[in-house]
Each structure stands twice: as C-alpha cells, then as structure tokens.
Amino acid sequence: MAYSFPSLDFTNEWPTGVTNRAAATGVPPGMSDPSIGDSTISELVAEIKPRYHIAGGMGVYYDREPYANVGAVHVTRFIALAPVGNKDKQKFIHALSPTPASKMSSAELCTKPPNTTSFPYSFAEETGSGNGAIKRSGDSVSDTQYWRYDVSQKRQKHGDGESGGLCFKFVSSGSCPRGEKCHFRHDADAREQSIRGVCFDFLNKGKCERGPDCKFKHSIQEEGKGFSSRSAGSSNRSKECWFCLSSPSVESHLITSVGEYCYCALAKGPLVQDHVLIIPIEHLPNTLSLPPECEKDLFRLQSSLQAYFKRQGKEVVFFEWVSKRGTHANLQAVPIPSSRASSVEHIFNLAAKKLGFTFSTVKSDNSLDGRKVLGMHLDRNQSLFYVEVPGGTILSHVVDENEKFPVQFGREVLAGLLNSADKADWRNCQLSKEEETIMADDFKSRFTDLALVADAVLLCVTIAVNEFDKQTIFTEHLYCLSSWLTREATVYLV
C-alpha cells in the first residue's frame, strides 16, 4: 500500500507549540513562549504529518528532537534555519539524505529514535486511525467572515482531505486548470465575494497586510450589494477575452504552466517552435504596471524561459504591444539562435527607421530594473510597443494618436530576422487543435524538469533569507518539490 504522507513541508512561520515537550536545553532563548508561531501551521502539519518540516521565519537555528505523530507510525523532524550571514553565526544550511518512503520497509518507517518526544500540539485528539480528526480552538473571528484553512470545512466541501487554503486562480478567475488535482480549495462562495470586490488575503487569512493601501474591500459583501462598476466590467470582459481563464474563449489546451499570478501558454499560430506567451491571470492592460507580487511572478517565468532556451543554444526576445484600449496583457517570448542575438537590436532599429521613428533606449543590468523604468513613464492614454533584446537593452516607442503602427510589428521584424517572412502573419501558421495539443504537451514535458529545479533553488534560498510573504507556504509546487528533492540523494537547504 502506498504511503501517503509527504516527506518534506516548507513554511515561513513556525507552528505554535512546536517546543512543547521538547528538551528545554535545546530550545533557543525566548522560543519557549507558547504564543510564538502560527496555529494554522500547527493544524497543517498535524494533518499532513510530514517526515521533515523546515521553517525559517524566526531568525534562529533549531533542530528539534523527533516527535511522534497522531494517527501515523513515522516521526516528524522539525528544523528551523537562521538567516544567511546572520551576525550570531547560527546555522543557516542543513543537509538531509531522506530515503523515499516507498523504498523503506514498515520496520524502518516505524523506527523511533531514543530521543523521540510525544506529539507537541495540544489541540489534537488521537482517534486510533490514520485519519485522526483535528480539533481546533474557536476563532475570535466568525467562520462566516473568511475562509481560513480549516480541516472540518475542507472535508465537508471536498471530501478528499487534501486541500489547503483558497485557490487564488479559482477565486480570481472562476476556474483552475489543475482541476481536481489542485491542492487548494475551489470555494464558490469565496469566488462570489471576489467578484464583489473583496480582498483575496482577507478571504483566505482573515486579514490583509496592505491595510488601507489595499484597493479591495475588507468585509463580506451581501448579495446584490458591493458590486463596483470595475468588478462588473471585469466580469463582462472575462467572458469575451481570449486570455481570461474563466472565459469560454480561452484555448486551455495551449496552457503550459500556471504560476500564482501569471500563466504561460504557447502562441496560436507560432512564429517558431516554443513561441510562448506570459499572461497575467487577472485581466490587466499591460505587464509594465503590474502589482509587485505579479511582477515577481512574471520575472520568474522570464528567467525560467531564458534558462530553458539557453540550454538549447538560444536566446529569448520578449516584446509587447500595449494598446491604450486596455486589452488583456500578454508578453511574447520568441526564442532565436544565439548566433543571431547580436543582430536583434540593429534589425529593430532598421525597421523603425523605415517607419519613420526612432526607438527610445533603456539599458540596465537586468530586465526587471529596465521594465520598472519603462513602467514609471507609461502613459495609459497612449499605445506603446517595446522589445527586450538579449543583453538587457529595452527599445520602446510611444505611438502617436494618428500614427499608423502595425500591431504585428514585433513578429514581423523577427520573421525577417529568421528569414521566415511567410510567418509574419500568425494566421499563416495556424495548426489544428490536435497538433496544438501535441505541441503544448511536448513543451511541458521538456520545460517541467528545469522549472522544478529553479523552484527548488529559489524556495530553499528564500526560506533561509526570510523573504517570504508571511503566510503558509503549502502549494502544488511544494508537492512537486518534495517529490523531486526526495528522488535526489542529498538535499541542501541554503
């Protein structure tokens, strides 16, 4: 029988009560306070029973004795890491060599080291089975006010016992491409509140750290009330938009990966193989003025694509047509042979000269800084074209009111660079749905392994540096990460 408990769980916050029943001599000074940590995470780890729980939010190193689990035969080891380069020179790196549970005998799984303690979290009651129920203390905020992680509610709504917090993609768009495989809750009531303009963080956690700076509502909106013109307009747009995930027009078979705030899809009528679009999940007019968290997600996808194509001897050209009409933003990523990368800036300048304009140039050490500079000068009453050429330079052109600018300019220039003038019009490159599906599946199979490695490095580094937003980090990426890390011989948490 398969062993269903995860090997690794990563969170920023410590679970409340983790030092209970632990040897006092090993607990870092000041960490014995029972109020330290997050009770939600205590419930989470009590429910999923990981073999290793790694946290990094308290700024100290702590390797707790293993503790026995309720309703499971294995023990859990809690390890907290200090920040990298901390002044007290506390440990911020830890090596693990976990053997996959599938390769362990029952005797090995049941083995408890001599220093194993009893279960530290006081809210649990043992039921004598592997599905031990978790009792939680009453919240000070009514359950009708938000949908925080709750085991009993979770089982009532889904019956699978595996989901965690709310699914951002479902709540924001009304659909989730992961479907039943998603590890977050697809709550229709929360979706309805989101449409009425209620803040996702408020729905998910009961509070929003942005406070008065948040543009969304921090209270539950009754039916028929609270609908702003903005949210109503957004709802109407999403039904007609090609790129809104809730739209019946979305070509979902072309979607290759979904992040927290952006997703990737292969272009319809691609200029070249692996012609990719990076698209915000929310219906936003451009990718230059995204919310900070969405901007980071987009930059992560850009970096992953660059690394992916680098392995193939290619560079990536990113370009975007920003229309003042405010269509759904999409940043196009076109891979080209590295041998032609040095010609990209020159050929775009030549094409601009033929149309009678000169590009403005932004040079920076990295794409993110250059995009921020461009975004600060963005006028939403004017259309804009820009292209990020290999090497960090961004060329941009603000389109005048009466200027006749070809909407497919970026594609046309790159088609010329690649000696594929017949592909300048995407309609000449259309494929059948079956061909598109095969193409997308092929790209996903080649891109997934690299994405997992990138996520693993990024996650392990940020745990130690403490750059997470302070919330439970328990996503599908961590399920994938746990699986990938467990297959490797040694894990280094840096």
Protein backbone atom coordinates (compact mmCIF):
# COMPACT_ATOMS: atom_id res chain seq x y z
CA MET A 1 0.00 0.00 0.00
CA ALA A 2 1.35 3.45 -0.91
CA TYR A 3 2.49 5.63 1.95
CA SER A 4 0.56 8.89 1.52
CA PHE A 5 2.37 11.28 3.86
CA PRO A 6 4.75 13.89 2.34
CA SER A 7 8.48 13.73 3.03
CA LEU A 8 9.03 17.48 3.20
CA ASP A 9 6.98 20.51 4.23
CA PHE A 10 8.28 24.09 3.98
CA THR A 11 6.74 27.06 5.79
CA ASN A 12 7.94 30.52 6.72
CA GLU A 13 6.31 30.70 10.16
CA TRP A 14 6.92 28.24 12.99
CA PRO A 15 3.94 26.17 14.15
CA THR A 16 2.58 27.28 17.52
CA GLY A 17 3.55 24.82 20.25
CA VAL A 18 6.39 23.11 18.43
CA THR A 19 8.64 23.45 21.53
CA ASN A 20 6.08 21.71 23.78
CA ARG A 21 7.54 18.52 25.33
CA ALA A 22 10.94 19.27 23.78
CA ALA A 23 14.13 19.27 25.87
CA ALA A 24 14.45 22.75 27.36
CA THR A 25 18.22 22.73 26.87
CA GLY A 26 17.86 22.61 23.10
CA VAL A 27 15.22 25.33 22.70
CA PRO A 28 16.69 28.70 21.56
CA PRO A 29 16.33 31.53 24.12
CA GLY A 30 12.90 33.15 24.01
CA MET A 31 11.41 30.45 21.77
CA SER A 32 9.53 28.62 24.52
CA ASP A 33 6.77 31.23 24.59
CA PRO A 34 3.55 29.31 23.69
CA SER A 35 2.25 32.28 21.69
CA ILE A 36 5.13 32.14 19.21
CA GLY A 37 4.29 30.86 15.74
CA ASP A 38 1.11 30.34 13.77
CA SER A 39 -1.62 27.96 14.96
CA THR A 40 -2.78 27.45 11.37
CA ILE A 41 0.56 25.86 10.57
CA SER A 42 0.26 23.65 13.64
CA GLU A 43 -3.02 22.36 12.23
CA LEU A 44 -1.46 21.94 8.81
CA VAL A 45 1.48 19.80 9.93
CA ALA A 46 -0.75 17.84 12.31
CA GLU A 47 -2.96 16.99 9.36
CA ILE A 48 -0.36 16.18 6.68
CA LYS A 49 2.27 14.65 9.03
CA PRO A 50 5.46 15.37 7.04
CA ARG A 51 8.65 13.45 7.81
CA TYR A 52 10.59 16.74 7.77
CA HIS A 53 9.21 20.21 8.50
CA ILE A 54 11.53 23.09 7.54
CA ALA A 55 10.82 26.69 8.67
CA GLY A 56 12.79 29.92 8.61
CA GLY A 57 10.71 32.79 9.96
CA MET A 58 12.05 33.29 13.49
CA GLY A 59 15.67 34.11 12.66
CA VAL A 60 17.22 31.31 14.76
CA TYR A 61 18.50 27.79 14.18
CA TYR A 62 16.69 24.96 15.97
CA ASP A 63 16.87 21.22 15.37
CA ARG A 64 14.08 19.76 17.50
CA GLU A 65 14.02 16.18 18.69
CA PRO A 66 11.76 13.99 16.51
CA TYR A 67 8.16 13.80 17.70
CA ALA A 68 5.58 11.04 17.30
CA ASN A 69 2.52 11.75 15.15
CA VAL A 70 -1.14 11.19 15.90
CA GLY A 71 -2.55 8.53 13.57
CA ALA A 72 0.76 7.73 11.80
CA VAL A 73 3.65 5.39 12.54
CA HIS A 74 6.51 7.66 11.46
CA VAL A 75 8.08 10.59 13.33
CA THR A 76 8.40 14.22 12.24
CA ARG A 77 11.63 16.20 12.49
CA PHE A 78 11.31 19.99 12.80
CA ILE A 79 14.28 22.08 11.63
CA ALA A 80 14.40 25.90 11.73
CA LEU A 81 17.10 27.79 9.84
CA ALA A 82 18.65 31.14 10.67
CA PRO A 83 19.12 33.87 8.02
CA VAL A 84 22.11 33.63 5.70
CA GLY A 85 25.05 35.64 7.04
CA ASN A 86 23.44 36.26 10.45
CA LYS A 87 25.64 38.10 12.94
CA ASP A 88 25.38 35.34 15.56
CA LYS A 89 26.76 32.84 13.02
CA GLN A 90 23.87 30.46 13.64
CA LYS A 91 23.42 27.59 11.22
CA PHE A 92 21.63 28.56 8.01
CA ILE A 93 22.46 25.46 5.95
CA HIS A 94 21.39 21.90 6.68
CA ALA A 95 21.93 18.70 4.70
CA LEU A 96 19.37 15.92 4.56
CA SER A 97 19.53 12.46 2.98
CA PRO A 98 15.91 11.28 3.03
CA THR A 99 15.14 7.79 1.75
CA PRO A 100 11.84 7.77 -0.19
CA ALA A 101 9.11 6.20 1.93
CA SER A 102 8.27 3.87 -0.97
CA LYS A 103 11.72 2.30 -0.58
CA MET A 104 11.52 1.90 3.19
CA SER A 105 10.27 -1.19 4.99
CA SER A 106 7.46 -0.98 7.54
CA ALA A 107 10.01 -1.57 10.31
CA GLU A 108 12.13 1.34 9.11
CA LEU A 109 9.11 3.66 8.93
CA CYS A 110 8.06 2.71 12.44
CA THR A 111 11.52 3.22 13.94
CA LYS A 112 11.58 5.91 16.61
CA PRO A 113 14.93 7.36 17.77
CA PRO A 114 15.62 7.19 21.54
CA ASN A 115 15.07 10.95 21.93
CA THR A 116 11.63 10.94 20.28
CA THR A 117 9.07 13.02 22.19
CA SER A 118 5.29 12.80 22.23
CA PHE A 119 3.12 14.89 19.91
CA PRO A 120 3.64 18.62 20.79
CA TYR A 121 0.40 20.17 19.55
CA SER A 122 -2.26 20.21 22.26
CA PHE A 123 -5.37 20.70 20.07
CA ALA A 124 -5.25 17.22 18.52
CA GLU A 125 -7.01 14.13 19.81
CA GLU A 126 -5.93 10.68 18.79
CA THR A 127 -8.66 8.64 17.16
CA GLY A 128 -6.73 5.42 16.72
CA SER A 129 -6.67 5.61 12.91
CA GLY A 130 -4.58 7.19 10.19
CA ASN A 131 -7.31 9.75 9.64
CA GLY A 132 -7.22 11.29 13.08
CA ALA A 133 -9.54 14.26 13.36
CA ILE A 134 -8.08 17.57 14.38
CA LYS A 135 -9.96 19.78 16.79
CA ARG A 136 -9.23 23.46 16.61
CA SER A 137 -9.98 26.06 19.20
CA GLY A 138 -12.64 28.62 18.49
CA ASP A 139 -11.52 31.53 16.36
CA SER A 140 -12.01 35.07 17.54
CA VAL A 141 -13.34 35.88 14.08
CA SER A 142 -16.51 34.19 12.87
CA ASP A 143 -16.07 31.49 10.21
CA THR A 144 -18.65 33.30 8.10
CA GLN A 145 -16.23 36.21 7.75
CA TYR A 146 -13.46 34.38 5.92
CA TRP A 147 -12.32 31.01 4.62
CA ARG A 148 -9.16 30.35 6.56
CA TYR A 149 -7.57 26.88 6.49
CA ASP A 150 -9.92 24.60 8.39
CA VAL A 151 -9.82 20.80 8.35
CA SER A 152 -13.51 20.17 9.07
CA GLN A 153 -14.74 22.71 6.48
CA LYS A 154 -12.25 21.33 3.99
CA ARG A 155 -13.61 17.80 4.27
CA GLN A 156 -17.22 18.90 4.13
CA LYS A 157 -16.67 20.80 0.92
CA HIS A 158 -14.32 18.45 -0.88
CA GLY A 159 -14.28 15.10 0.82
CA ASP A 160 -10.69 14.37 -0.19
CA GLY A 161 -8.91 15.74 2.87
CA GLU A 162 -6.02 17.12 0.81
CA SER A 163 -6.80 20.76 0.07
CA GLY A 164 -5.37 23.69 1.99
CA GLY A 165 -6.15 27.42 1.66
CA LEU A 166 -8.17 29.00 -1.11
CA CYS A 167 -7.05 28.56 -4.72
CA PHE A 168 -6.09 32.01 -5.99
CA LYS A 169 -6.71 31.07 -9.62
CA PHE A 170 -10.20 29.75 -8.93
CA VAL A 171 -11.20 32.66 -6.69
CA SER A 172 -9.86 35.31 -9.08
CA SER A 173 -10.97 33.80 -12.40
CA GLY A 174 -13.64 31.20 -11.65
CA SER A 175 -11.63 28.25 -12.95
CA CYS A 176 -8.42 26.38 -12.25
CA PRO A 177 -6.56 24.40 -14.93
CA ARG A 178 -5.38 21.90 -12.28
CA GLY A 179 -8.98 20.85 -11.64
CA GLU A 180 -9.31 18.05 -9.10
CA LYS A 181 -5.52 17.78 -8.83
CA CYS A 182 -5.32 21.25 -7.24
CA HIS A 183 -4.29 21.15 -3.59
CA PHE A 184 -6.24 24.32 -2.74
CA ARG A 185 -9.96 24.81 -2.20
CA HIS A 186 -12.27 25.82 -5.04
CA ASP A 187 -14.80 27.71 -2.94
CA ALA A 188 -17.74 29.14 -4.89
CA ASP A 189 -18.72 31.46 -2.01
CA ALA A 190 -15.23 32.96 -1.94
CA ARG A 191 -15.34 33.36 -5.72
CA GLU A 192 -18.63 35.25 -5.38
CA GLN A 193 -17.10 37.55 -2.75
CA SER A 194 -14.10 38.15 -5.00
CA ILE A 195 -16.40 39.24 -7.82
CA ARG A 196 -17.95 41.72 -5.38
CA GLY A 197 -14.51 43.24 -4.85
CA VAL A 198 -13.43 41.56 -1.59
CA CYS A 199 -9.68 41.20 -0.98
CA PHE A 200 -8.27 37.67 -1.55
CA ASP A 201 -5.98 37.88 1.50
CA PHE A 202 -8.97 38.86 3.66
CA LEU A 203 -10.94 35.87 2.35
CA ASN A 204 -8.05 33.47 2.77
CA LYS A 205 -6.45 34.64 6.02
CA GLY A 206 -9.00 36.95 7.63
CA LYS A 207 -6.68 39.94 7.32
CA CYS A 208 -4.74 41.91 4.73
CA GLU A 209 -1.26 43.23 5.49
CA ARG A 210 -1.64 46.01 2.91
CA GLY A 211 -4.24 47.65 5.15
CA PRO A 212 -5.60 50.98 3.86
CA ASP A 213 -3.31 50.75 0.81
CA CYS A 214 -5.28 47.77 -0.49
CA LYS A 215 -7.72 48.69 -3.25
CA PHE A 216 -10.14 45.85 -2.39
CA LYS A 217 -12.82 45.51 0.30
CA HIS A 218 -12.12 44.05 3.74
CA SER A 219 -15.63 42.98 4.66
CA ILE A 220 -18.09 40.39 3.41
CA GLN A 221 -20.48 41.84 0.82
CA GLU A 222 -24.13 40.78 0.91
CA GLU A 223 -25.86 39.56 -2.24
CA GLY A 224 -26.85 42.40 -4.53
CA LYS A 225 -24.51 44.84 -2.76
CA GLY A 226 -20.93 45.90 -3.15
CA PHE A 227 -20.64 45.41 -6.91
CA SER A 228 -18.46 48.20 -8.24
CA SER A 229 -18.52 49.19 -11.88
CA ARG A 230 -14.93 47.98 -12.05
CA SER A 231 -15.70 44.41 -10.98
CA ALA A 232 -18.82 44.24 -13.14
CA GLY A 233 -16.82 45.40 -16.14
CA SER A 234 -14.11 42.90 -15.36
CA SER A 235 -16.67 40.09 -15.19
CA ASN A 236 -18.07 41.05 -18.59
CA ARG A 237 -14.58 41.25 -20.09
CA SER A 238 -13.61 37.84 -18.79
CA LYS A 239 -16.48 36.21 -20.69
CA GLU A 240 -15.25 37.62 -24.01
CA CYS A 241 -11.47 37.71 -23.52
CA TRP A 242 -9.24 35.10 -25.17
CA PHE A 243 -6.83 35.15 -22.22
CA CYS A 244 -9.08 35.21 -19.12
CA LEU A 245 -9.07 31.70 -17.66
CA SER A 246 -12.79 31.92 -16.90
CA SER A 247 -13.65 32.81 -20.49
CA PRO A 248 -15.30 30.19 -22.72
CA SER A 249 -13.00 31.50 -25.47
CA VAL A 250 -9.75 30.58 -23.71
CA GLU A 251 -7.66 27.96 -25.56
CA SER A 252 -6.89 25.94 -22.42
CA HIS A 253 -5.08 23.18 -24.33
CA LEU A 254 -2.29 25.69 -25.11
CA ILE A 255 -1.62 26.48 -21.43
CA THR A 256 1.72 25.06 -20.34
CA SER A 257 2.18 26.28 -16.75
CA VAL A 258 0.29 28.36 -14.19
CA GLY A 259 2.02 30.49 -11.57
CA GLU A 260 0.50 32.36 -8.64
CA TYR A 261 -0.30 35.49 -10.67
CA CYS A 262 0.74 34.71 -14.28
CA TYR A 263 0.49 31.75 -16.60
CA CYS A 264 2.31 30.60 -19.74
CA ALA A 265 0.68 29.43 -22.96
CA LEU A 266 2.01 28.60 -26.40
CA ALA A 267 1.13 31.16 -29.06
CA LYS A 268 -1.62 30.34 -31.52
CA GLY A 269 -0.05 30.32 -34.96
CA PRO A 270 3.52 30.29 -33.56
CA LEU A 271 6.35 32.09 -35.32
CA VAL A 272 8.79 29.37 -34.20
CA GLN A 273 8.66 26.23 -32.09
CA ASP A 274 8.17 27.06 -28.39
CA HIS A 275 6.82 30.58 -29.09
CA VAL A 276 5.44 31.38 -25.63
CA LEU A 277 3.10 34.00 -24.14
CA ILE A 278 3.36 35.12 -20.49
CA ILE A 279 -0.08 36.31 -19.40
CA PRO A 280 -1.34 37.83 -16.11
CA ILE A 281 -4.19 35.78 -14.66
CA GLU A 282 -6.08 38.98 -13.83
CA HIS A 283 -7.43 41.00 -16.76
CA LEU A 284 -4.76 43.74 -16.79
CA PRO A 285 -3.92 46.10 -19.68
CA ASN A 286 -0.12 45.62 -19.74
CA THR A 287 2.74 43.86 -17.95
CA LEU A 288 4.66 47.06 -17.16
CA SER A 289 2.42 48.26 -14.32
CA LEU A 290 1.66 45.01 -12.52
CA PRO A 291 1.21 44.68 -8.74
CA PRO A 292 4.59 43.84 -7.11
CA GLU A 293 3.72 40.18 -6.43
CA CYS A 294 2.54 39.70 -10.02
CA GLU A 295 5.67 41.43 -11.34
CA LYS A 296 7.87 38.96 -9.41
CA ASP A 297 5.94 36.02 -10.83
CA LEU A 298 6.37 37.34 -14.37
CA PHE A 299 10.10 37.92 -13.86
CA ARG A 300 10.46 34.38 -12.50
CA LEU A 301 8.80 32.97 -15.63
CA GLN A 302 11.02 35.12 -17.86
CA SER A 303 14.13 33.86 -16.08
CA SER A 304 12.98 30.23 -16.31
CA LEU A 305 12.36 30.57 -20.05
CA GLN A 306 15.76 32.19 -20.58
CA ALA A 307 17.48 29.35 -18.72
CA TYR A 308 15.46 26.75 -20.62
CA PHE A 309 16.36 28.14 -24.03
CA LYS A 310 19.98 28.78 -23.01
CA ARG A 311 20.41 25.01 -22.72
CA GLN A 312 19.32 24.75 -26.36
CA GLY A 313 21.81 27.36 -27.60
CA LYS A 314 19.12 30.02 -27.94
CA GLU A 315 18.33 33.49 -26.62
CA VAL A 316 14.87 34.94 -25.98
CA VAL A 317 13.37 38.13 -27.38
CA PHE A 318 10.45 39.48 -25.30
CA PHE A 319 8.09 42.05 -26.77
CA GLU A 320 4.67 43.51 -26.00
CA TRP A 321 2.12 45.68 -27.77
CA VAL A 322 0.45 47.85 -25.11
CA SER A 323 -2.83 49.16 -26.50
CA LYS A 324 -4.49 52.19 -24.96
CA ARG A 325 -7.76 50.30 -25.42
CA GLY A 326 -6.70 48.12 -22.49
CA THR A 327 -6.87 44.58 -23.88
CA HIS A 328 -5.65 41.62 -21.76
CA ALA A 329 -1.87 41.92 -21.49
CA ASN A 330 0.42 39.28 -22.97
CA LEU A 331 4.21 39.36 -23.14
CA GLN A 332 5.51 37.37 -26.11
CA ALA A 333 8.68 35.28 -25.79
CA VAL A 334 10.32 34.19 -29.06
CA PRO A 335 13.45 32.01 -28.96
CA ILE A 336 16.10 32.70 -31.59
CA PRO A 337 19.50 31.09 -32.34
CA SER A 338 22.26 32.60 -30.17
CA SER A 339 24.22 33.32 -33.35
CA ARG A 340 21.61 35.93 -34.32
CA ALA A 341 21.19 37.54 -30.89
CA SER A 342 23.67 40.34 -31.61
CA SER A 343 21.63 41.42 -34.67
CA VAL A 344 18.29 41.87 -32.87
CA GLU A 345 18.76 45.48 -31.73
CA HIS A 346 20.15 46.51 -35.13
CA ILE A 347 17.31 44.99 -37.15
CA PHE A 348 14.63 46.57 -34.91
CA ASN A 349 16.29 49.97 -35.32
CA LEU A 350 16.36 49.50 -39.10
CA ALA A 351 12.66 48.58 -39.13
CA ALA A 352 11.85 51.64 -37.00
CA LYS A 353 13.77 53.88 -39.40
CA LYS A 354 11.73 52.57 -42.33
CA LEU A 355 8.53 53.50 -40.48
CA GLY A 356 9.88 56.97 -39.66
CA PHE A 357 10.54 56.78 -35.91
CA THR A 358 13.45 56.18 -33.55
CA PHE A 359 13.33 53.91 -30.53
CA SER A 360 13.93 55.20 -27.02
CA THR A 361 16.52 53.03 -25.26
CA VAL A 362 16.68 51.83 -21.67
CA LYS A 363 19.82 49.97 -20.59
CA SER A 364 20.06 48.13 -17.26
CA ASP A 365 21.85 45.23 -15.65
CA ASN A 366 18.68 43.18 -15.53
CA SER A 367 15.29 43.07 -17.20
CA LEU A 368 13.31 43.81 -14.03
CA ASP A 369 15.01 47.18 -13.41
CA GLY A 370 14.59 48.19 -17.05
CA ARG A 371 10.92 47.29 -17.02
CA LYS A 372 10.37 49.35 -13.86
CA VAL A 373 11.94 52.40 -15.52
CA LEU A 374 9.72 51.95 -18.56
CA GLY A 375 6.63 51.43 -16.41
CA MET A 376 7.20 54.67 -14.49
CA HIS A 377 6.90 56.65 -17.74
CA LEU A 378 3.93 54.73 -19.11
CA ASP A 379 1.00 56.91 -20.24
CA ARG A 380 -2.19 54.87 -20.30
CA ASN A 381 -3.75 57.27 -22.79
CA GLN A 382 -1.19 56.25 -25.42
CA SER A 383 -0.28 52.95 -27.02
CA LEU A 384 3.26 51.62 -26.68
CA PHE A 385 5.47 49.00 -28.27
CA TYR A 386 8.60 47.72 -26.59
CA VAL A 387 11.05 44.89 -27.07
CA GLU A 388 13.59 43.39 -24.63
CA VAL A 389 16.61 42.36 -26.68
CA PRO A 390 19.26 39.88 -25.45
CA GLY A 391 21.77 41.66 -23.23
CA GLY A 392 19.34 43.75 -21.16
CA THR A 393 18.51 46.64 -23.53
CA ILE A 394 14.85 47.62 -23.92
CA LEU A 395 13.71 49.50 -27.04
CA SER A 396 10.40 51.35 -26.76
CA HIS A 397 8.21 53.57 -28.92
CA VAL A 398 5.18 55.60 -27.84
CA VAL A 399 2.65 55.54 -30.69
CA ASP A 400 1.16 58.93 -31.57
CA GLU A 401 -2.60 59.41 -31.92
CA ASN A 402 -2.67 59.43 -35.75
CA GLU A 403 0.34 57.19 -36.31
CA LYS A 404 -0.23 54.07 -38.40
CA PHE A 405 1.69 51.48 -36.43
CA PRO A 406 1.48 47.78 -37.37
CA VAL A 407 0.13 45.81 -34.42
CA GLN A 408 2.19 42.77 -35.51
CA PHE A 409 5.39 44.86 -35.74
CA GLY A 410 7.43 42.73 -33.30
CA ARG A 411 6.51 39.48 -35.03
CA GLU A 412 7.14 40.91 -38.50
CA VAL A 413 10.65 42.10 -37.57
CA LEU A 414 11.60 38.76 -36.01
CA ALA A 415 10.18 36.88 -39.01
CA GLY A 416 12.58 38.90 -41.16
CA LEU A 417 15.49 38.18 -38.82
CA LEU A 418 14.76 34.44 -39.05
CA ASN A 419 14.26 34.51 -42.85
CA SER A 420 10.65 33.44 -42.38
CA ALA A 421 8.73 36.32 -43.94
CA ASP A 422 5.82 34.00 -44.75
CA LYS A 423 5.24 33.55 -40.98
CA ALA A 424 4.87 37.27 -40.24
CA ASP A 425 1.08 36.79 -40.10
CA TRP A 426 0.05 34.31 -37.39
CA ARG A 427 -2.92 33.21 -39.49
CA ASN A 428 -0.49 31.62 -41.97
CA CYS A 429 0.85 29.42 -39.15
CA GLN A 430 -2.36 28.05 -37.67
CA LEU A 431 -2.42 24.40 -36.61
CA SER A 432 -5.23 22.01 -35.82
CA LYS A 433 -6.28 21.65 -32.18
CA GLU A 434 -4.78 18.16 -32.13
CA GLU A 435 -1.43 19.49 -33.40
CA GLU A 436 -1.53 22.33 -30.86
CA THR A 437 -2.23 19.89 -28.01
CA ILE A 438 0.72 17.68 -29.02
CA MET A 439 2.93 20.77 -29.30
CA ALA A 440 1.91 22.01 -25.82
CA ASP A 441 2.37 18.58 -24.20
CA ASP A 442 5.82 18.29 -25.77
CA PHE A 443 6.87 21.71 -24.46
CA LYS A 444 5.54 20.94 -20.97
CA SER A 445 7.46 17.66 -20.78
CA ARG A 446 10.72 19.42 -21.70
CA PHE A 447 10.18 22.53 -19.59
CA THR A 448 8.91 20.92 -16.34
CA ASP A 449 12.18 19.44 -15.06
CA LEU A 450 14.03 22.75 -15.35
CA ALA A 451 11.16 24.64 -13.72
CA LEU A 452 11.25 22.27 -10.73
CA VAL A 453 15.00 22.76 -10.31
CA ALA A 454 14.60 26.55 -10.48
CA ASP A 455 11.74 26.47 -7.95
CA ALA A 456 13.79 24.25 -5.64
CA VAL A 457 16.75 26.60 -5.62
CA LEU A 458 14.57 29.70 -5.27
CA LEU A 459 12.50 28.20 -2.45
CA CYS A 460 15.42 26.88 -0.44
CA VAL A 461 17.27 30.17 -0.66
CA THR A 462 14.29 32.31 0.27
CA ILE A 463 13.42 30.15 3.26
CA ALA A 464 16.79 30.97 4.84
CA VAL A 465 16.84 34.61 3.80
CA ASN A 466 13.30 35.06 5.13
CA GLU A 467 11.93 36.88 2.09
CA PHE A 468 8.59 35.05 2.05
CA ASP A 469 5.32 36.89 2.49
CA LYS A 470 4.25 35.76 5.97
CA GLN A 471 1.76 33.09 5.12
CA THR A 472 1.72 29.29 4.99
CA ILE A 473 3.70 28.08 2.02
CA PHE A 474 1.93 24.90 1.01
CA THR A 475 1.35 24.81 -2.73
CA GLU A 476 1.38 22.38 -5.57
CA HIS A 477 4.94 23.49 -6.26
CA LEU A 478 5.91 22.14 -2.83
CA TYR A 479 4.30 18.81 -3.62
CA CYS A 480 6.36 18.71 -6.81
CA LEU A 481 9.42 19.95 -4.95
CA SER A 482 9.07 17.34 -2.23
CA SER A 483 8.82 14.62 -4.85
CA TRP A 484 11.83 15.93 -6.79
CA LEU A 485 14.01 16.51 -3.74
CA THR A 486 13.18 13.10 -2.30
CA ARG A 487 14.35 11.42 -5.52
CA GLU A 488 17.75 13.08 -5.13
CA ALA A 489 20.44 11.60 -2.90
CA THR A 490 21.07 14.70 -0.77
CA VAL A 491 19.13 17.91 -0.15
CA TYR A 492 20.95 21.12 0.68
CA LEU A 493 18.84 23.87 2.23
CA VAL A 494 20.71 27.11 1.64
